[in-house]
Amino acid sequence: MAKKSPAKRIIFPVAILGLMAILGYYALNYTSANAAAGIKPLNESVLQARFAYLSGVHTNLCAIPAFIYGLQNDSYLQGSCCSPMNFTSYVEQVNGLRNYSGISQIPADPYNISASLAKELLGYQNMTLTSAQQATFDNAMNMSSPCCCHCWRWYAFAGQAKYLIVNYNFSASRISAIWGLEDGCGGPLDSQGFNPPAT
């Protein structure tokens, strides 16, 4: 029986080690991607610190869209516009929005929205929808509302809904759930005329 050459005896283990390294790399990155997807809730102490700050500032106003266009892009709309913030609802909202962290058009925090994002969302109001997409949008409006009054948030999140329907094929119920999570009026989630977020 012929002996294997030294070169062949070395190549096989090296190939196995190389394959294991490649598989390990992809496994690690898959795990990291899942961890970064926003599924795990934020630490409560982090949310308490955010809440303590945001509940005391009031740059978020119940104002018309023209107010938004007058803001610097790097400014933020912070705090609630109507009722005092509710910590239990805030935790639910922020953790719920983490499920959409891969979509930059959905804010991570409904009480801390950049003026640049608000302007972007307002710009989507003029998107052209197909008849099917318009039906989805109308159904979402029948299920809930972008906001409790026709302020900048109402128009911005109506524009956001059109963007999500066109680019992500979101359903009416999903749009409605997102609007609930984005409630910036303060108080419990169902206190301003919204449907509670879908669970």
C-alpha atoms as a PDB file:
ATOM      1  CA  MET A   1       0.000   0.000   0.000  1.00  0.00           C
ATOM      2  CA  ALA A   2       1.379   3.341  -1.066  1.00  0.00           C
ATOM      3  CA  LYS A   3       2.166   5.838   1.674  1.00  0.00           C
ATOM      4  CA  LYS A   4       0.672   9.321   1.564  1.00  0.00           C
ATOM      5  CA  SER A   5       3.194  11.992   0.827  1.00  0.00           C
ATOM      6  CA  PRO A   6       4.008  14.484   3.639  1.00  0.00           C
ATOM      7  CA  ALA A   7       2.380  17.245   1.593  1.00  0.00           C
ATOM      8  CA  LYS A   8      -0.948  15.355   1.388  1.00  0.00           C
ATOM      9  CA  ARG A   9      -0.872  14.579   5.119  1.00  0.00           C
ATOM     10  CA  ILE A  10      -0.564  18.346   5.843  1.00  0.00           C
ATOM     11  CA  ILE A  11      -3.076  19.619   3.271  1.00  0.00           C
ATOM     12  CA  PHE A  12      -6.046  17.623   4.600  1.00  0.00           C
ATOM     13  CA  PRO A  13      -5.911  18.902   8.245  1.00  0.00           C
ATOM     14  CA  VAL A  14      -5.254  22.429   7.031  1.00  0.00           C
ATOM     15  CA  ALA A  15      -8.297  22.208   4.740  1.00  0.00           C
ATOM     16  CA  ILE A  16     -10.441  20.978   7.655  1.00  0.00           C
ATOM     17  CA  LEU A  17      -9.217  23.798   9.892  1.00  0.00           C
ATOM     18  CA  GLY A  18      -9.905  26.306   7.127  1.00  0.00           C
ATOM     19  CA  LEU A  19     -13.434  25.003   6.681  1.00  0.00           C
ATOM     20  CA  MET A  20     -14.043  25.173  10.430  1.00  0.00           C
ATOM     21  CA  ALA A  21     -12.791  28.763  10.508  1.00  0.00           C
ATOM     22  CA  ILE A  22     -15.124  29.748   7.675  1.00  0.00           C
ATOM     23  CA  LEU A  23     -18.124  28.088   9.343  1.00  0.00           C
ATOM     24  CA  GLY A  24     -17.213  29.705  12.657  1.00  0.00           C
ATOM     25  CA  TYR A  25     -16.977  33.120  11.004  1.00  0.00           C
ATOM     26  CA  TYR A  26     -20.440  32.812   9.475  1.00  0.00           C
ATOM     27  CA  ALA A  27     -21.929  31.425  12.693  1.00  0.00           C
ATOM     28  CA  LEU A  28     -20.476  34.307  14.689  1.00  0.00           C
ATOM     29  CA  ASN A  29     -21.740  36.889  12.234  1.00  0.00           C
ATOM     30  CA  TYR A  30     -25.164  35.250  12.102  1.00  0.00           C
ATOM     31  CA  THR A  31     -25.367  35.409  15.901  1.00  0.00           C
ATOM     32  CA  SER A  32     -24.166  39.018  15.928  1.00  0.00           C
ATOM     33  CA  ALA A  33     -26.707  39.979  13.285  1.00  0.00           C
ATOM     34  CA  ASN A  34     -29.510  38.459  15.342  1.00  0.00           C
ATOM     35  CA  ALA A  35     -28.299  40.219  18.491  1.00  0.00           C
ATOM     36  CA  ALA A  36     -28.171  43.538  16.615  1.00  0.00           C
ATOM     37  CA  ALA A  37     -31.660  43.051  15.178  1.00  0.00           C
ATOM     38  CA  GLY A  38     -33.237  44.672  18.238  1.00  0.00           C
ATOM     39  CA  ILE A  39     -35.071  41.646  19.561  1.00  0.00           C
ATOM     40  CA  LYS A  40     -33.751  41.838  23.128  1.00  0.00           C
ATOM     41  CA  PRO A  41     -35.347  44.551  25.296  1.00  0.00           C
ATOM     42  CA  LEU A  42     -33.180  47.410  26.487  1.00  0.00           C
ATOM     43  CA  ASN A  43     -31.905  47.414  30.035  1.00  0.00           C
ATOM     44  CA  GLU A  44     -34.491  49.098  32.261  1.00  0.00           C
ATOM     45  CA  SER A  45     -31.919  51.376  33.896  1.00  0.00           C
ATOM     46  CA  VAL A  46     -31.027  52.733  30.444  1.00  0.00           C
ATOM     47  CA  LEU A  47     -34.699  53.405  29.740  1.00  0.00           C
ATOM     48  CA  GLN A  48     -35.185  55.018  33.140  1.00  0.00           C
ATOM     49  CA  ALA A  49     -32.353  57.447  32.418  1.00  0.00           C
ATOM     50  CA  ARG A  50     -33.796  58.293  28.993  1.00  0.00           C
ATOM     51  CA  PHE A  51     -37.271  58.691  30.431  1.00  0.00           C
ATOM     52  CA  ALA A  52     -36.033  60.968  33.225  1.00  0.00           C
ATOM     53  CA  TYR A  53     -34.508  63.283  30.633  1.00  0.00           C
ATOM     54  CA  LEU A  54     -37.159  63.172  27.905  1.00  0.00           C
ATOM     55  CA  SER A  55     -40.103  63.567  30.267  1.00  0.00           C
ATOM     56  CA  GLY A  56     -38.661  66.920  31.330  1.00  0.00           C
ATOM     57  CA  VAL A  57     -38.078  68.489  27.900  1.00  0.00           C
ATOM     58  CA  HIS A  58     -40.704  69.863  25.535  1.00  0.00           C
ATOM     59  CA  THR A  59     -39.257  70.638  22.107  1.00  0.00           C
ATOM     60  CA  ASN A  60     -41.916  68.328  20.655  1.00  0.00           C
ATOM     61  CA  LEU A  61     -44.930  70.531  19.920  1.00  0.00           C
ATOM     62  CA  CYS A  62     -48.419  69.974  18.604  1.00  0.00           C
ATOM     63  CA  ALA A  63     -47.616  72.129  15.568  1.00  0.00           C
ATOM     64  CA  ILE A  64     -48.254  72.182  11.842  1.00  0.00           C
ATOM     65  CA  PRO A  65     -45.620  70.875   9.379  1.00  0.00           C
ATOM     66  CA  ALA A  66     -44.369  74.394   8.674  1.00  0.00           C
ATOM     67  CA  PHE A  67     -42.914  74.373  12.187  1.00  0.00           C
ATOM     68  CA  ILE A  68     -40.742  71.364  11.278  1.00  0.00           C
ATOM     69  CA  TYR A  69     -39.365  72.974   8.141  1.00  0.00           C
ATOM     70  CA  GLY A  70     -38.158  75.899  10.239  1.00  0.00           C
ATOM     71  CA  LEU A  71     -35.951  73.654  12.407  1.00  0.00           C
ATOM     72  CA  GLN A  72     -32.275  72.877  11.915  1.00  0.00           C
ATOM     73  CA  ASN A  73     -31.746  69.325  10.652  1.00  0.00           C
ATOM     74  CA  ASP A  74     -29.596  68.410  13.658  1.00  0.00           C
ATOM     75  CA  SER A  75     -32.232  69.502  16.196  1.00  0.00           C
ATOM     76  CA  TYR A  76     -34.558  67.060  17.944  1.00  0.00           C
ATOM     77  CA  LEU A  77     -38.249  66.927  18.804  1.00  0.00           C
ATOM     78  CA  GLN A  78     -38.116  65.650  22.365  1.00  0.00           C
ATOM     79  CA  GLY A  79     -40.672  64.941  25.068  1.00  0.00           C
ATOM     80  CA  SER A  80     -44.457  64.676  24.834  1.00  0.00           C
ATOM     81  CA  CYS A  81     -46.673  67.282  23.239  1.00  0.00           C
ATOM     82  CA  CYS A  82     -49.886  66.830  25.244  1.00  0.00           C
ATOM     83  CA  SER A  83     -49.949  64.587  28.328  1.00  0.00           C
ATOM     84  CA  PRO A  84     -47.071  63.646  30.663  1.00  0.00           C
ATOM     85  CA  MET A  85     -45.043  60.665  29.488  1.00  0.00           C
ATOM     86  CA  ASN A  86     -45.887  57.277  30.981  1.00  0.00           C
ATOM     87  CA  PHE A  87     -42.897  55.074  31.830  1.00  0.00           C
ATOM     88  CA  THR A  88     -44.658  51.730  31.319  1.00  0.00           C
ATOM     89  CA  SER A  89     -45.855  52.804  27.877  1.00  0.00           C
ATOM     90  CA  TYR A  90     -42.457  54.271  27.033  1.00  0.00           C
ATOM     91  CA  VAL A  91     -40.728  50.957  27.750  1.00  0.00           C
ATOM     92  CA  GLU A  92     -43.239  49.086  25.582  1.00  0.00           C
ATOM     93  CA  GLN A  93     -42.895  51.579  22.746  1.00  0.00           C
ATOM     94  CA  VAL A  94     -39.101  51.719  22.628  1.00  0.00           C
ATOM     95  CA  ASN A  95     -38.715  47.952  22.892  1.00  0.00           C
ATOM     96  CA  GLY A  96     -41.426  47.444  20.267  1.00  0.00           C
ATOM     97  CA  LEU A  97     -39.727  49.830  17.858  1.00  0.00           C
ATOM     98  CA  ARG A  98     -36.456  47.903  18.222  1.00  0.00           C
ATOM     99  CA  ASN A  99     -38.011  45.241  15.994  1.00  0.00           C
ATOM    100  CA  TYR A 100     -37.820  47.774  13.144  1.00  0.00           C
ATOM    101  CA  SER A 101     -34.270  48.978  13.811  1.00  0.00           C
ATOM    102  CA  GLY A 102     -33.236  48.061  10.270  1.00  0.00           C
ATOM    103  CA  ILE A 103     -35.584  50.666   8.782  1.00  0.00           C
ATOM    104  CA  SER A 104     -34.253  54.193   9.253  1.00  0.00           C
ATOM    105  CA  GLN A 105     -37.664  55.702   8.468  1.00  0.00           C
ATOM    106  CA  ILE A 106     -39.038  54.272  11.736  1.00  0.00           C
ATOM    107  CA  PRO A 107     -37.738  56.218  14.756  1.00  0.00           C
ATOM    108  CA  ALA A 108     -36.074  54.277  17.549  1.00  0.00           C
ATOM    109  CA  ASP A 109     -37.685  56.525  20.152  1.00  0.00           C
ATOM    110  CA  PRO A 110     -41.052  58.269  19.622  1.00  0.00           C
ATOM    111  CA  TYR A 111     -40.101  60.986  22.105  1.00  0.00           C
ATOM    112  CA  ASN A 112     -36.735  61.774  20.520  1.00  0.00           C
ATOM    113  CA  ILE A 113     -37.123  62.317  16.779  1.00  0.00           C
ATOM    114  CA  SER A 114     -34.646  64.275  14.697  1.00  0.00           C
ATOM    115  CA  ALA A 115     -35.921  67.174  12.630  1.00  0.00           C
ATOM    116  CA  SER A 116     -34.181  65.674   9.597  1.00  0.00           C
ATOM    117  CA  LEU A 117     -36.211  62.459   9.929  1.00  0.00           C
ATOM    118  CA  ALA A 118     -39.439  64.423  10.439  1.00  0.00           C
ATOM    119  CA  LYS A 119     -38.742  66.374   7.242  1.00  0.00           C
ATOM    120  CA  GLU A 120     -37.966  63.169   5.353  1.00  0.00           C
ATOM    121  CA  LEU A 121     -41.235  61.568   6.454  1.00  0.00           C
ATOM    122  CA  LEU A 122     -43.230  64.681   5.584  1.00  0.00           C
ATOM    123  CA  GLY A 123     -41.780  64.461   2.068  1.00  0.00           C
ATOM    124  CA  TYR A 124     -43.301  61.010   1.533  1.00  0.00           C
ATOM    125  CA  GLN A 125     -46.843  62.383   1.682  1.00  0.00           C
ATOM    126  CA  ASN A 126     -46.754  62.966  -2.071  1.00  0.00           C
ATOM    127  CA  MET A 127     -45.783  59.398  -2.980  1.00  0.00           C
ATOM    128  CA  THR A 128     -47.949  57.874  -5.696  1.00  0.00           C
ATOM    129  CA  LEU A 129     -49.701  54.677  -4.635  1.00  0.00           C
ATOM    130  CA  THR A 130     -51.263  51.964  -6.756  1.00  0.00           C
ATOM    131  CA  SER A 131     -54.918  51.219  -6.110  1.00  0.00           C
ATOM    132  CA  ALA A 132     -53.950  48.213  -3.965  1.00  0.00           C
ATOM    133  CA  GLN A 133     -51.447  50.265  -1.994  1.00  0.00           C
ATOM    134  CA  GLN A 134     -54.000  53.030  -1.520  1.00  0.00           C
ATOM    135  CA  ALA A 135     -56.463  50.456  -0.188  1.00  0.00           C
ATOM    136  CA  THR A 136     -53.855  49.305   2.358  1.00  0.00           C
ATOM    137  CA  PHE A 137     -53.246  52.907   3.398  1.00  0.00           C
ATOM    138  CA  ASP A 138     -56.990  53.581   3.729  1.00  0.00           C
ATOM    139  CA  ASN A 139     -57.455  50.411   5.773  1.00  0.00           C
ATOM    140  CA  ALA A 140     -54.674  51.502   8.134  1.00  0.00           C
ATOM    141  CA  MET A 141     -56.417  54.859   8.539  1.00  0.00           C
ATOM    142  CA  ASN A 142     -59.671  53.065   9.360  1.00  0.00           C
ATOM    143  CA  MET A 143     -57.914  50.948  11.993  1.00  0.00           C
ATOM    144  CA  SER A 144     -56.196  53.818  13.789  1.00  0.00           C
ATOM    145  CA  SER A 145     -54.546  57.151  13.011  1.00  0.00           C
ATOM    146  CA  PRO A 146     -51.028  58.572  12.568  1.00  0.00           C
ATOM    147  CA  CYS A 147     -51.770  60.918  15.485  1.00  0.00           C
ATOM    148  CA  CYS A 148     -54.707  62.171  17.544  1.00  0.00           C
ATOM    149  CA  CYS A 149     -54.810  65.519  15.692  1.00  0.00           C
ATOM    150  CA  HIS A 150     -53.609  66.896  12.362  1.00  0.00           C
ATOM    151  CA  CYS A 151     -50.251  68.122  13.647  1.00  0.00           C
ATOM    152  CA  TRP A 152     -46.814  67.545  12.104  1.00  0.00           C
ATOM    153  CA  ARG A 153     -46.802  63.979  13.441  1.00  0.00           C
ATOM    154  CA  TRP A 154     -50.047  63.138  11.640  1.00  0.00           C
ATOM    155  CA  TYR A 155     -48.641  64.214   8.276  1.00  0.00           C
ATOM    156  CA  ALA A 156     -45.164  62.786   8.893  1.00  0.00           C
ATOM    157  CA  PHE A 157     -46.396  59.339   9.894  1.00  0.00           C
ATOM    158  CA  ALA A 158     -48.982  59.298   7.116  1.00  0.00           C
ATOM    159  CA  GLY A 159     -46.041  59.855   4.761  1.00  0.00           C
ATOM    160  CA  GLN A 160     -44.089  57.168   6.555  1.00  0.00           C
ATOM    161  CA  ALA A 161     -46.954  54.713   6.037  1.00  0.00           C
ATOM    162  CA  LYS A 162     -46.902  55.330   2.289  1.00  0.00           C
ATOM    163  CA  TYR A 163     -43.151  54.743   2.234  1.00  0.00           C
ATOM    164  CA  LEU A 164     -43.454  51.484   4.180  1.00  0.00           C
ATOM    165  CA  ILE A 165     -46.305  50.222   2.011  1.00  0.00           C
ATOM    166  CA  VAL A 166     -44.451  50.984  -1.234  1.00  0.00           C
ATOM    167  CA  ASN A 167     -40.975  49.855  -0.179  1.00  0.00           C
ATOM    168  CA  TYR A 168     -41.691  47.082   2.333  1.00  0.00           C
ATOM    169  CA  ASN A 169     -45.211  45.962   1.403  1.00  0.00           C
ATOM    170  CA  PHE A 170     -46.382  46.505   4.983  1.00  0.00           C
ATOM    171  CA  SER A 171     -49.965  45.534   5.762  1.00  0.00           C
ATOM    172  CA  ALA A 172     -52.576  47.875   7.211  1.00  0.00           C
ATOM    173  CA  SER A 173     -52.424  46.121  10.589  1.00  0.00           C
ATOM    174  CA  ARG A 174     -48.651  46.437  10.733  1.00  0.00           C
ATOM    175  CA  ILE A 175     -48.842  50.142   9.882  1.00  0.00           C
ATOM    176  CA  SER A 176     -51.467  50.589  12.594  1.00  0.00           C
ATOM    177  CA  ALA A 177     -49.254  48.800  15.141  1.00  0.00           C
ATOM    178  CA  ILE A 178     -46.273  50.986  14.247  1.00  0.00           C
ATOM    179  CA  TRP A 179     -48.375  54.140  14.611  1.00  0.00           C
ATOM    180  CA  GLY A 180     -49.320  52.965  18.087  1.00  0.00           C
ATOM    181  CA  LEU A 181     -45.678  52.465  19.018  1.00  0.00           C
ATOM    182  CA  GLU A 182     -44.847  55.934  17.661  1.00  0.00           C
ATOM    183  CA  ASP A 183     -47.451  57.716  19.801  1.00  0.00           C
ATOM    184  CA  GLY A 184     -45.763  60.876  21.107  1.00  0.00           C
ATOM    185  CA  CYS A 185     -48.730  62.476  22.863  1.00  0.00           C
ATOM    186  CA  GLY A 186     -47.880  61.083  26.299  1.00  0.00           C
ATOM    187  CA  GLY A 187     -49.993  59.079  28.707  1.00  0.00           C
ATOM    188  CA  PRO A 188     -50.883  55.388  28.325  1.00  0.00           C
ATOM    189  CA  LEU A 189     -50.736  54.052  24.770  1.00  0.00           C
ATOM    190  CA  ASP A 190     -54.505  53.771  24.351  1.00  0.00           C
ATOM    191  CA  SER A 191     -55.343  57.153  25.917  1.00  0.00           C
ATOM    192  CA  GLN A 192     -55.072  59.312  22.783  1.00  0.00           C
ATOM    193  CA  GLY A 193     -57.350  57.458  20.422  1.00  0.00           C
ATOM    194  CA  PHE A 194     -54.818  54.885  19.227  1.00  0.00           C
ATOM    195  CA  ASN A 195     -55.294  51.169  19.056  1.00  0.00           C
ATOM    196  CA  PRO A 196     -52.819  49.384  21.354  1.00  0.00           C
ATOM    197  CA  PRO A 197     -49.821  47.967  19.444  1.00  0.00           C
ATOM    198  CA  ALA A 198     -50.268  44.453  18.068  1.00  0.00           C
ATOM    199  CA  THR A 199     -48.672  41.744  20.181  1.00  0.00           C
END
